[in-house]
Amino acid sequence: MSDVLNEAHGIAQCKDCPWYKSCVVPMRFTAEDIRRQLEQSAPGTGVSQPADLGIQNLLSSMAIAAQNSLLEGCPIFIDRLRTNPKLAQHIKQIMQNWGKEEEQDK
C-alpha cells in the first residue's frame, strides 16, 4: 500500500513542479557570468579590473566547456535517479541505443 502512496505522491509532485515535462536542461551561462562569480567569491583580488585577452579567452573556454558537461535538473527527477539505480541505468541504455532502432528498421 505504501508503494502506491509513494507513486501517487511522486506524480502529484511532478504535476505541481515548475519543471513539469522539462526535467533536465543544459545550464546556460556566459564568460561574463563566470567573471561576475569570480568577483563575488574573491573581492579585492583584482579580478574586477578589465581582464586581458588571455583571461577573457580562459573564461570563455570555461563557459563553453561547462555548458557541454553540466545539466540543471528538477530536484524530484534528481532524487528519483539517486534512489533508483535501475532508472538511471535504463535511461543510460536508452541514450546509448539512441537511433539504432531507426537504423534497424531501414
N, C-alpha and C. Protein backbone atom coordinates (compact mmCIF):
# COMPACT_ATOMS: atom_id res chain seq x y z
N MET A 1 0.81 -1.20 0.00
CA MET A 1 0.00 0.00 0.00
C MET A 1 0.86 1.26 0.00
N SER A 2 1.97 1.20 0.74
CA SER A 2 2.82 2.38 0.80
C SER A 2 3.47 2.68 -0.56
N ASP A 3 3.71 1.62 -1.37
CA ASP A 3 4.27 1.84 -2.71
C ASP A 3 3.31 2.66 -3.58
N VAL A 4 2.03 2.36 -3.48
CA VAL A 4 1.02 3.08 -4.25
C VAL A 4 0.97 4.53 -3.81
N LEU A 5 1.02 4.75 -2.50
CA LEU A 5 1.01 6.13 -1.98
C LEU A 5 2.27 6.89 -2.40
N ASN A 6 3.41 6.23 -2.37
CA ASN A 6 4.66 6.87 -2.80
C ASN A 6 4.59 7.25 -4.28
N GLU A 7 4.07 6.36 -5.10
CA GLU A 7 3.95 6.64 -6.53
C GLU A 7 2.99 7.79 -6.78
N ALA A 8 1.86 7.78 -6.08
CA ALA A 8 0.88 8.87 -6.23
C ALA A 8 1.48 10.19 -5.77
N HIS A 9 2.25 10.15 -4.70
CA HIS A 9 2.90 11.37 -4.20
C HIS A 9 3.89 11.90 -5.24
N GLY A 10 4.65 11.00 -5.86
CA GLY A 10 5.60 11.40 -6.90
C GLY A 10 4.93 12.03 -8.10
N ILE A 11 3.80 11.46 -8.51
CA ILE A 11 3.07 12.01 -9.65
C ILE A 11 2.53 13.39 -9.31
N ALA A 12 1.98 13.53 -8.10
CA ALA A 12 1.45 14.83 -7.68
C ALA A 12 2.57 15.87 -7.60
N GLN A 13 3.73 15.45 -7.11
CA GLN A 13 4.87 16.38 -7.04
C GLN A 13 5.24 16.87 -8.43
N CYS A 14 5.28 15.97 -9.41
CA CYS A 14 5.65 16.35 -10.78
C CYS A 14 4.63 17.31 -11.38
N LYS A 15 3.35 17.07 -11.16
CA LYS A 15 2.31 17.93 -11.74
C LYS A 15 2.41 19.35 -11.20
N ASP A 16 2.84 19.51 -9.95
CA ASP A 16 2.96 20.83 -9.33
C ASP A 16 4.32 21.47 -9.56
N CYS A 17 5.26 20.70 -10.10
CA CYS A 17 6.63 21.18 -10.25
C CYS A 17 6.74 22.20 -11.38
N PRO A 18 7.47 23.29 -11.16
CA PRO A 18 7.67 24.26 -12.24
C PRO A 18 8.50 23.70 -13.40
N TRP A 19 9.17 22.58 -13.17
CA TRP A 19 9.98 21.94 -14.20
C TRP A 19 9.15 20.98 -15.05
N TYR A 20 7.85 20.86 -14.80
CA TYR A 20 7.00 19.83 -15.40
C TYR A 20 7.28 19.65 -16.89
N LYS A 21 7.61 18.43 -17.26
CA LYS A 21 7.91 17.99 -18.63
C LYS A 21 9.20 18.57 -19.20
N SER A 22 10.01 19.18 -18.38
CA SER A 22 11.35 19.59 -18.82
C SER A 22 12.30 19.39 -17.65
N CYS A 23 12.45 18.12 -17.26
CA CYS A 23 13.18 17.77 -16.04
C CYS A 23 14.66 18.12 -16.09
N VAL A 24 15.24 18.13 -17.26
CA VAL A 24 16.67 18.40 -17.38
C VAL A 24 16.90 19.36 -18.54
N VAL A 25 17.70 20.39 -18.29
CA VAL A 25 18.08 21.34 -19.34
C VAL A 25 19.56 21.66 -19.19
N PRO A 26 20.23 21.95 -20.28
CA PRO A 26 21.64 22.35 -20.16
C PRO A 26 21.74 23.68 -19.42
N MET A 27 22.74 23.78 -18.59
CA MET A 27 22.96 25.05 -17.89
C MET A 27 23.46 26.07 -18.90
N ARG A 28 22.98 27.28 -18.79
CA ARG A 28 23.36 28.33 -19.73
C ARG A 28 23.98 29.49 -18.96
N PHE A 29 25.23 29.73 -19.24
CA PHE A 29 25.89 30.90 -18.68
C PHE A 29 27.02 31.30 -19.59
N THR A 30 27.47 32.53 -19.40
CA THR A 30 28.47 33.10 -20.29
C THR A 30 29.76 33.36 -19.54
N ALA A 31 30.77 33.80 -20.28
CA ALA A 31 32.04 34.19 -19.67
C ALA A 31 31.82 35.33 -18.69
N GLU A 32 30.90 36.22 -19.01
CA GLU A 32 30.59 37.34 -18.11
C GLU A 32 30.00 36.84 -16.80
N ASP A 33 29.16 35.80 -16.85
CA ASP A 33 28.61 35.21 -15.63
C ASP A 33 29.73 34.64 -14.76
N ILE A 34 30.70 33.97 -15.38
CA ILE A 34 31.82 33.41 -14.63
C ILE A 34 32.66 34.52 -14.03
N ARG A 35 32.91 35.58 -14.80
CA ARG A 35 33.70 36.70 -14.28
C ARG A 35 33.02 37.33 -13.06
N ARG A 36 31.69 37.53 -13.14
CA ARG A 36 30.95 38.10 -12.01
C ARG A 36 31.02 37.19 -10.80
N GLN A 37 30.93 35.88 -11.01
CA GLN A 37 31.02 34.93 -9.90
C GLN A 37 32.39 34.99 -9.25
N LEU A 38 33.45 35.10 -10.06
CA LEU A 38 34.79 35.22 -9.50
C LEU A 38 34.94 36.50 -8.69
N GLU A 39 34.37 37.60 -9.18
CA GLU A 39 34.41 38.86 -8.44
C GLU A 39 33.74 38.73 -7.09
N GLN A 40 32.59 38.06 -7.06
CA GLN A 40 31.85 37.90 -5.81
C GLN A 40 32.57 36.98 -4.84
N SER A 41 33.23 35.95 -5.33
CA SER A 41 33.88 34.99 -4.45
C SER A 41 35.25 35.46 -3.97
N ALA A 42 35.88 36.37 -4.70
CA ALA A 42 37.21 36.85 -4.31
C ALA A 42 37.29 38.37 -4.47
N PRO A 43 36.57 39.13 -3.63
CA PRO A 43 36.62 40.58 -3.77
C PRO A 43 38.00 41.13 -3.44
N GLY A 44 38.40 42.14 -4.18
CA GLY A 44 39.68 42.79 -3.91
C GLY A 44 40.89 42.10 -4.48
N THR A 45 40.70 41.08 -5.31
CA THR A 45 41.85 40.36 -5.87
C THR A 45 42.23 40.89 -7.24
N GLY A 46 41.53 41.89 -7.70
CA GLY A 46 41.87 42.46 -9.00
C GLY A 46 41.14 41.82 -10.15
N VAL A 47 40.28 40.87 -9.87
CA VAL A 47 39.54 40.21 -10.93
C VAL A 47 38.55 41.18 -11.57
N SER A 48 38.13 42.19 -10.79
CA SER A 48 37.13 43.12 -11.31
C SER A 48 37.72 44.12 -12.30
N GLN A 49 39.04 44.23 -12.35
CA GLN A 49 39.66 45.12 -13.32
C GLN A 49 39.49 44.52 -14.71
N PRO A 50 39.55 45.37 -15.74
CA PRO A 50 39.39 44.82 -17.09
C PRO A 50 40.37 43.67 -17.34
N ALA A 51 39.81 42.56 -17.77
CA ALA A 51 40.62 41.36 -17.98
C ALA A 51 41.39 41.45 -19.29
N ASP A 52 42.60 40.91 -19.28
CA ASP A 52 43.36 40.89 -20.52
C ASP A 52 42.80 39.80 -21.44
N LEU A 53 43.28 39.73 -22.63
CA LEU A 53 42.76 38.82 -23.64
C LEU A 53 42.88 37.36 -23.21
N GLY A 54 43.99 37.01 -22.57
CA GLY A 54 44.20 35.63 -22.12
C GLY A 54 43.17 35.20 -21.09
N ILE A 55 42.91 36.05 -20.11
CA ILE A 55 41.92 35.74 -19.09
C ILE A 55 40.54 35.64 -19.72
N GLN A 56 40.22 36.57 -20.62
CA GLN A 56 38.91 36.55 -21.27
C GLN A 56 38.73 35.26 -22.08
N ASN A 57 39.77 34.82 -22.78
CA ASN A 57 39.70 33.56 -23.54
C ASN A 57 39.52 32.37 -22.61
N LEU A 58 40.23 32.40 -21.47
CA LEU A 58 40.10 31.32 -20.49
C LEU A 58 38.66 31.25 -19.98
N LEU A 59 38.09 32.39 -19.62
CA LEU A 59 36.72 32.41 -19.11
C LEU A 59 35.73 31.92 -20.16
N SER A 60 35.93 32.33 -21.41
CA SER A 60 35.05 31.87 -22.49
C SER A 60 35.15 30.37 -22.67
N SER A 61 36.36 29.84 -22.62
CA SER A 61 36.55 28.40 -22.76
C SER A 61 35.90 27.64 -21.61
N MET A 62 36.03 28.19 -20.40
CA MET A 62 35.40 27.55 -19.24
C MET A 62 33.88 27.53 -19.39
N ALA A 63 33.31 28.63 -19.86
CA ALA A 63 31.86 28.70 -20.03
C ALA A 63 31.38 27.69 -21.06
N ILE A 64 32.09 27.58 -22.18
CA ILE A 64 31.71 26.63 -23.22
C ILE A 64 31.83 25.19 -22.72
N ALA A 65 32.93 24.89 -22.05
CA ALA A 65 33.14 23.53 -21.54
C ALA A 65 32.08 23.17 -20.51
N ALA A 66 31.75 24.09 -19.64
CA ALA A 66 30.76 23.81 -18.61
C ALA A 66 29.38 23.60 -19.22
N GLN A 67 29.04 24.37 -20.23
CA GLN A 67 27.73 24.22 -20.86
C GLN A 67 27.59 22.86 -21.52
N ASN A 68 28.69 22.29 -21.98
CA ASN A 68 28.64 21.00 -22.65
C ASN A 68 28.66 19.82 -21.68
N SER A 69 28.91 20.09 -20.39
CA SER A 69 29.03 18.96 -19.47
C SER A 69 28.12 19.05 -18.25
N LEU A 70 27.50 20.19 -18.01
CA LEU A 70 26.66 20.34 -16.82
C LEU A 70 25.19 20.45 -17.20
N LEU A 71 24.35 19.88 -16.36
CA LEU A 71 22.91 19.96 -16.55
C LEU A 71 22.28 20.54 -15.31
N GLU A 72 21.20 21.24 -15.50
CA GLU A 72 20.40 21.72 -14.40
C GLU A 72 19.17 20.83 -14.39
N GLY A 73 18.84 20.27 -13.23
CA GLY A 73 17.75 19.31 -13.21
C GLY A 73 16.73 19.56 -12.12
N CYS A 74 15.56 19.06 -12.38
CA CYS A 74 14.46 19.12 -11.42
C CYS A 74 14.85 18.34 -10.17
N PRO A 75 14.64 18.89 -8.99
CA PRO A 75 15.02 18.18 -7.77
C PRO A 75 14.31 16.84 -7.60
N ILE A 76 13.09 16.74 -8.07
CA ILE A 76 12.35 15.47 -7.97
C ILE A 76 12.98 14.43 -8.88
N PHE A 77 13.32 14.81 -10.11
CA PHE A 77 13.96 13.91 -11.05
C PHE A 77 15.32 13.44 -10.52
N ILE A 78 16.10 14.36 -9.99
CA ILE A 78 17.41 14.01 -9.44
C ILE A 78 17.26 13.05 -8.27
N ASP A 79 16.28 13.30 -7.40
CA ASP A 79 16.04 12.41 -6.26
C ASP A 79 15.66 11.02 -6.74
N ARG A 80 14.83 10.95 -7.78
CA ARG A 80 14.44 9.64 -8.32
C ARG A 80 15.64 8.89 -8.90
N LEU A 81 16.53 9.61 -9.56
CA LEU A 81 17.73 8.96 -10.10
C LEU A 81 18.62 8.45 -8.98
N ARG A 82 18.74 9.23 -7.91
CA ARG A 82 19.59 8.82 -6.79
C ARG A 82 19.03 7.62 -6.04
N THR A 83 17.70 7.57 -5.90
CA THR A 83 17.10 6.50 -5.11
C THR A 83 16.80 5.25 -5.92
N ASN A 84 16.87 5.33 -7.24
CA ASN A 84 16.55 4.18 -8.08
C ASN A 84 17.64 3.97 -9.13
N PRO A 85 18.67 3.19 -8.80
CA PRO A 85 19.76 2.97 -9.76
C PRO A 85 19.29 2.30 -11.05
N LYS A 86 18.22 1.50 -10.99
CA LYS A 86 17.71 0.85 -12.20
C LYS A 86 17.16 1.89 -13.18
N LEU A 87 16.54 2.95 -12.66
CA LEU A 87 16.03 4.01 -13.52
C LEU A 87 17.18 4.69 -14.25
N ALA A 88 18.23 5.02 -13.51
CA ALA A 88 19.40 5.66 -14.12
C ALA A 88 20.02 4.75 -15.18
N GLN A 89 20.12 3.46 -14.89
CA GLN A 89 20.69 2.51 -15.86
C GLN A 89 19.81 2.40 -17.09
N HIS A 90 18.50 2.41 -16.90
CA HIS A 90 17.57 2.33 -18.04
C HIS A 90 17.70 3.56 -18.94
N ILE A 91 17.79 4.73 -18.35
CA ILE A 91 17.97 5.95 -19.13
C ILE A 91 19.29 5.91 -19.88
N LYS A 92 20.32 5.42 -19.23
CA LYS A 92 21.63 5.31 -19.87
C LYS A 92 21.56 4.37 -21.08
N GLN A 93 20.87 3.25 -20.94
CA GLN A 93 20.73 2.31 -22.06
C GLN A 93 19.95 2.93 -23.21
N ILE A 94 18.91 3.68 -22.89
CA ILE A 94 18.14 4.36 -23.94
C ILE A 94 19.04 5.31 -24.71
N MET A 95 19.84 6.07 -24.01
CA MET A 95 20.72 7.04 -24.67
C MET A 95 21.79 6.35 -25.50
N GLN A 96 22.33 5.23 -25.00
CA GLN A 96 23.36 4.52 -25.74
C GLN A 96 22.80 3.88 -27.01
N ASN A 97 21.53 3.53 -27.01
CA ASN A 97 20.91 2.88 -28.16
C ASN A 97 20.11 3.87 -29.02
N TRP A 98 20.25 5.14 -28.76
CA TRP A 98 19.51 6.17 -29.48
C TRP A 98 19.77 6.08 -30.98
N GLY A 99 18.74 5.95 -31.75
CA GLY A 99 18.87 5.93 -33.20
C GLY A 99 19.13 4.55 -33.79
N LYS A 100 19.52 3.58 -32.98
CA LYS A 100 19.80 2.24 -33.50
C LYS A 100 18.53 1.56 -33.99
N GLU A 101 17.40 1.83 -33.35
CA GLU A 101 16.14 1.23 -33.75
C GLU A 101 15.75 1.70 -35.15
N GLU A 102 15.98 2.96 -35.43
CA GLU A 102 15.67 3.52 -36.74
C GLU A 102 16.55 2.91 -37.82
N GLU A 103 17.81 2.66 -37.50
CA GLU A 103 18.75 2.04 -38.45
C GLU A 103 18.34 0.61 -38.76
N GLN A 104 17.83 -0.11 -37.75
CA GLN A 104 17.42 -1.50 -37.95
C GLN A 104 16.16 -1.59 -38.81
N ASP A 105 15.30 -0.58 -38.71
CA ASP A 105 14.05 -0.59 -39.49
C ASP A 105 14.31 -0.36 -40.98
N LYS A 106 15.42 0.23 -41.33
CA LYS A 106 15.71 0.55 -42.74
C LYS A 106 16.01 -0.64 -43.55
